Amino acid sequence: MKQQGIFGTIVLIAAIPILIALSMQSSKLEAEKSALQETVFEIEEANFQRSAKELLFDNTINQTLEKSAMLGDAEYANKNINLEISSLMKKEFAESGLCTENFLDEETIVSGITETTLNQITKTSIIKYDFVWVANYTLTGGTGKNIFPCGKIQTKNYSVFFRIPAGYNQTAIGVIN
């Protein structure tokens, strides 16, 4: 009976470091899980902000196109839309400009964003027929079709770029008064 008691005590003493190690590992996993949840939350927050900005820019471009196209001057409409985009980019982003993609599909800001620089990579056309007009705004991306406006959205430890991609197109239709 005494030997069984000694054997049980030895097993218990040997199991204590194992239980402590398992407990520490569990705590470490819990901390990693918490950090991972925080990172996922930051990524979701940045992507939500990007989606909200996409809607904001689409709406702004569409409204400006409709208002400007009623006057029938495509060049004026193009400049007016680009002025709105330029102003909004500066207002919404701490870091923005005209961008290209590198070989890793990551955005690289290559120049500042102004109405003038946007005029070089955009085109607006207005077609009138009888009592209807159709206006189209296109971000061509320049001669290489690879330049586009972008802005950096930064959370605590994560960043994502908002972009109006080359090939972006917005159309409006209206009635001539």
Protein backbone atom coordinates (compact mmCIF):
# COMPACT_ATOMS: atom_id res chain seq x y z
CA MET A 1 0.00 0.00 0.00
CA LYS A 2 2.88 2.33 0.75
CA GLN A 3 4.45 1.77 -2.67
CA GLN A 4 1.19 2.68 -4.42
CA GLY A 5 1.01 5.89 -2.42
CA ILE A 6 4.58 6.77 -3.34
CA PHE A 7 3.96 5.92 -7.01
CA GLY A 8 0.78 8.08 -7.03
CA THR A 9 2.67 10.96 -5.46
CA ILE A 10 5.46 10.69 -8.03
CA VAL A 11 2.92 10.66 -10.90
CA LEU A 12 1.15 13.68 -9.41
CA ILE A 13 4.42 15.58 -8.98
CA ALA A 14 5.41 14.72 -12.58
CA ALA A 15 2.00 15.83 -13.88
CA ILE A 16 2.17 19.28 -12.26
CA PRO A 17 4.71 20.73 -14.79
CA ILE A 18 2.64 19.29 -17.64
CA LEU A 19 -0.52 20.91 -16.27
CA ILE A 20 1.31 24.23 -15.80
CA ALA A 21 2.66 24.06 -19.38
CA LEU A 22 -0.82 23.32 -20.73
CA SER A 23 -2.26 26.20 -18.73
CA MET A 24 0.41 28.59 -20.04
CA GLN A 25 -0.16 27.39 -23.61
CA SER A 26 -3.89 27.96 -23.19
CA SER A 27 -3.26 31.52 -21.97
CA LYS A 28 -0.91 32.16 -24.89
CA LEU A 29 -3.51 30.87 -27.37
CA GLU A 30 -6.16 33.07 -25.76
CA ALA A 31 -3.91 36.14 -26.17
CA GLU A 32 -3.20 35.23 -29.81
CA LYS A 33 -6.91 34.74 -30.43
CA SER A 34 -7.64 38.17 -28.97
CA ALA A 35 -4.92 39.80 -31.11
CA LEU A 36 -6.24 38.03 -34.21
CA GLN A 37 -9.79 39.21 -33.48
CA GLU A 38 -8.53 42.78 -33.15
CA THR A 39 -6.69 42.52 -36.48
CA VAL A 40 -9.77 41.10 -38.22
CA PHE A 41 -11.84 43.94 -36.77
CA GLU A 42 -9.36 46.51 -38.12
CA ILE A 43 -9.44 44.92 -41.58
CA GLU A 44 -13.24 44.93 -41.57
CA GLU A 45 -13.27 48.56 -40.40
CA ALA A 46 -10.92 49.64 -43.20
CA ASN A 47 -12.92 47.73 -45.82
CA PHE A 48 -16.15 49.25 -44.53
CA GLN A 49 -14.62 52.73 -44.81
CA ARG A 50 -13.50 51.93 -48.36
CA SER A 51 -17.02 50.78 -49.32
CA ALA A 52 -18.54 53.93 -47.83
CA LYS A 53 -16.08 56.09 -49.79
CA GLU A 54 -16.85 54.20 -53.01
CA LEU A 55 -20.53 55.06 -52.57
CA LEU A 56 -19.67 58.67 -51.73
CA PHE A 57 -17.51 59.10 -54.84
CA ASP A 58 -20.02 57.34 -57.13
CA ASN A 59 -22.80 59.58 -55.86
CA THR A 60 -20.69 62.75 -56.13
CA ILE A 61 -19.55 61.94 -59.67
CA ASN A 62 -23.10 61.07 -60.77
CA GLN A 63 -24.64 64.24 -59.31
CA THR A 64 -21.91 66.46 -60.73
CA LEU A 65 -22.22 64.79 -64.14
CA GLU A 66 -25.99 65.34 -64.20
CA LYS A 67 -25.72 69.02 -63.15
CA SER A 68 -22.83 69.81 -65.49
CA ALA A 69 -24.17 67.89 -68.50
CA MET A 70 -27.40 69.92 -68.56
CA LEU A 71 -25.32 72.84 -69.85
CA GLY A 72 -24.21 70.72 -72.83
CA ASP A 73 -20.47 71.46 -72.61
CA ALA A 74 -18.47 68.22 -72.21
CA GLU A 75 -15.19 69.97 -71.42
CA TYR A 76 -16.85 72.02 -68.68
CA ALA A 77 -18.51 68.89 -67.27
CA ASN A 78 -15.19 67.01 -67.26
CA LYS A 79 -13.39 69.84 -65.44
CA ASN A 80 -16.21 70.23 -62.95
CA ILE A 81 -16.28 66.50 -62.10
CA ASN A 82 -12.50 66.41 -61.77
CA LEU A 83 -12.56 69.45 -59.48
CA GLU A 84 -15.09 67.64 -57.25
CA ILE A 85 -13.01 64.45 -57.22
CA SER A 86 -9.82 66.37 -56.44
CA SER A 87 -11.46 68.27 -53.58
CA LEU A 88 -13.07 65.15 -52.16
CA MET A 89 -9.83 63.14 -52.31
CA LYS A 90 -8.00 65.84 -50.34
CA LYS A 91 -10.84 66.05 -47.82
CA GLU A 92 -11.34 62.29 -47.29
CA PHE A 93 -7.73 61.03 -47.26
CA ALA A 94 -4.57 62.11 -45.47
CA GLU A 95 -2.57 60.44 -48.24
CA SER A 96 -3.89 60.46 -51.81
CA GLY A 97 -2.83 61.04 -55.40
CA LEU A 98 -2.66 59.48 -58.82
CA CYS A 99 -1.47 55.89 -58.56
CA THR A 100 -0.26 52.93 -60.55
CA GLU A 101 0.02 49.28 -59.57
CA ASN A 102 3.35 47.61 -59.07
CA PHE A 103 4.10 44.00 -60.00
CA LEU A 104 2.57 42.85 -56.67
CA ASP A 105 -0.75 44.57 -57.48
CA GLU A 106 -0.05 47.16 -54.79
CA GLU A 107 -0.87 50.83 -55.30
CA THR A 108 1.96 53.32 -55.59
CA ILE A 109 1.26 57.06 -55.54
CA VAL A 110 3.10 58.63 -58.49
CA SER A 111 1.86 62.22 -58.37
CA GLY A 112 -0.45 64.61 -56.61
CA ILE A 113 -4.09 64.84 -57.54
CA THR A 114 -5.50 68.04 -59.03
CA GLU A 115 -8.17 68.96 -61.53
CA THR A 116 -5.41 69.36 -64.14
CA THR A 117 -3.83 65.94 -63.54
CA LEU A 118 -7.28 64.31 -63.60
CA ASN A 119 -8.12 66.08 -66.88
CA GLN A 120 -5.22 64.17 -68.46
CA ILE A 121 -6.71 60.76 -67.61
CA THR A 122 -10.46 61.39 -67.98
CA LYS A 123 -12.93 62.05 -70.77
CA THR A 124 -16.52 63.26 -70.76
CA SER A 125 -18.84 63.15 -73.73
CA ILE A 126 -22.35 64.53 -74.12
CA ILE A 127 -24.67 63.42 -76.89
CA LYS A 128 -27.91 65.29 -77.60
CA TYR A 129 -30.73 63.74 -79.55
CA ASP A 130 -34.08 65.48 -79.94
CA PHE A 131 -35.09 66.35 -76.39
CA VAL A 132 -32.75 63.94 -74.56
CA TRP A 133 -29.08 64.11 -73.61
CA VAL A 134 -26.76 61.30 -72.59
CA ALA A 135 -23.55 62.14 -70.74
CA ASN A 136 -20.69 59.75 -70.08
CA TYR A 137 -17.70 60.27 -67.79
CA THR A 138 -14.80 57.82 -68.17
CA LEU A 139 -11.56 57.54 -66.28
CA THR A 140 -9.34 56.33 -69.12
CA GLY A 141 -6.19 55.80 -67.07
CA GLY A 142 -4.06 57.80 -69.49
CA THR A 143 -2.21 56.45 -72.49
CA GLY A 144 -1.07 53.33 -70.62
CA LYS A 145 -4.51 52.87 -69.06
CA ASN A 146 -2.78 52.32 -65.72
CA ILE A 147 -3.14 55.59 -63.78
CA PHE A 148 -5.99 56.11 -61.34
CA PRO A 149 -6.88 58.23 -58.30
CA CYS A 150 -6.34 56.48 -54.98
CA GLY A 151 -6.29 57.27 -51.29
CA LYS A 152 -4.92 55.39 -48.32
CA ILE A 153 -7.29 54.33 -45.54
CA GLN A 154 -5.33 53.66 -42.36
CA THR A 155 -6.52 51.97 -39.19
CA LYS A 156 -4.28 51.29 -36.19
CA ASN A 157 -2.22 48.47 -37.74
CA TYR A 158 -3.75 48.00 -41.18
CA SER A 159 -4.09 50.04 -44.35
CA VAL A 160 -6.01 49.60 -47.56
CA PHE A 161 -6.24 51.77 -50.68
CA PHE A 162 -9.43 53.22 -52.10
CA ARG A 163 -9.28 53.63 -55.84
CA ILE A 164 -11.33 54.84 -58.76
CA PRO A 165 -10.04 52.28 -61.25
CA ALA A 166 -8.92 52.96 -64.80
CA GLY A 167 -11.92 52.14 -66.96
CA TYR A 168 -14.38 53.57 -64.40
CA ASN A 169 -17.48 54.79 -66.19
CA GLN A 170 -20.51 56.84 -65.09
CA THR A 171 -23.46 57.63 -67.36
CA ALA A 172 -26.34 60.06 -66.87
CA ILE A 173 -29.44 60.67 -69.00
CA GLY A 174 -31.60 63.76 -68.91
CA VAL A 175 -34.22 65.77 -70.74
CA ILE A 176 -33.29 69.00 -72.53
CA ASN A 177 -35.37 71.88 -71.15
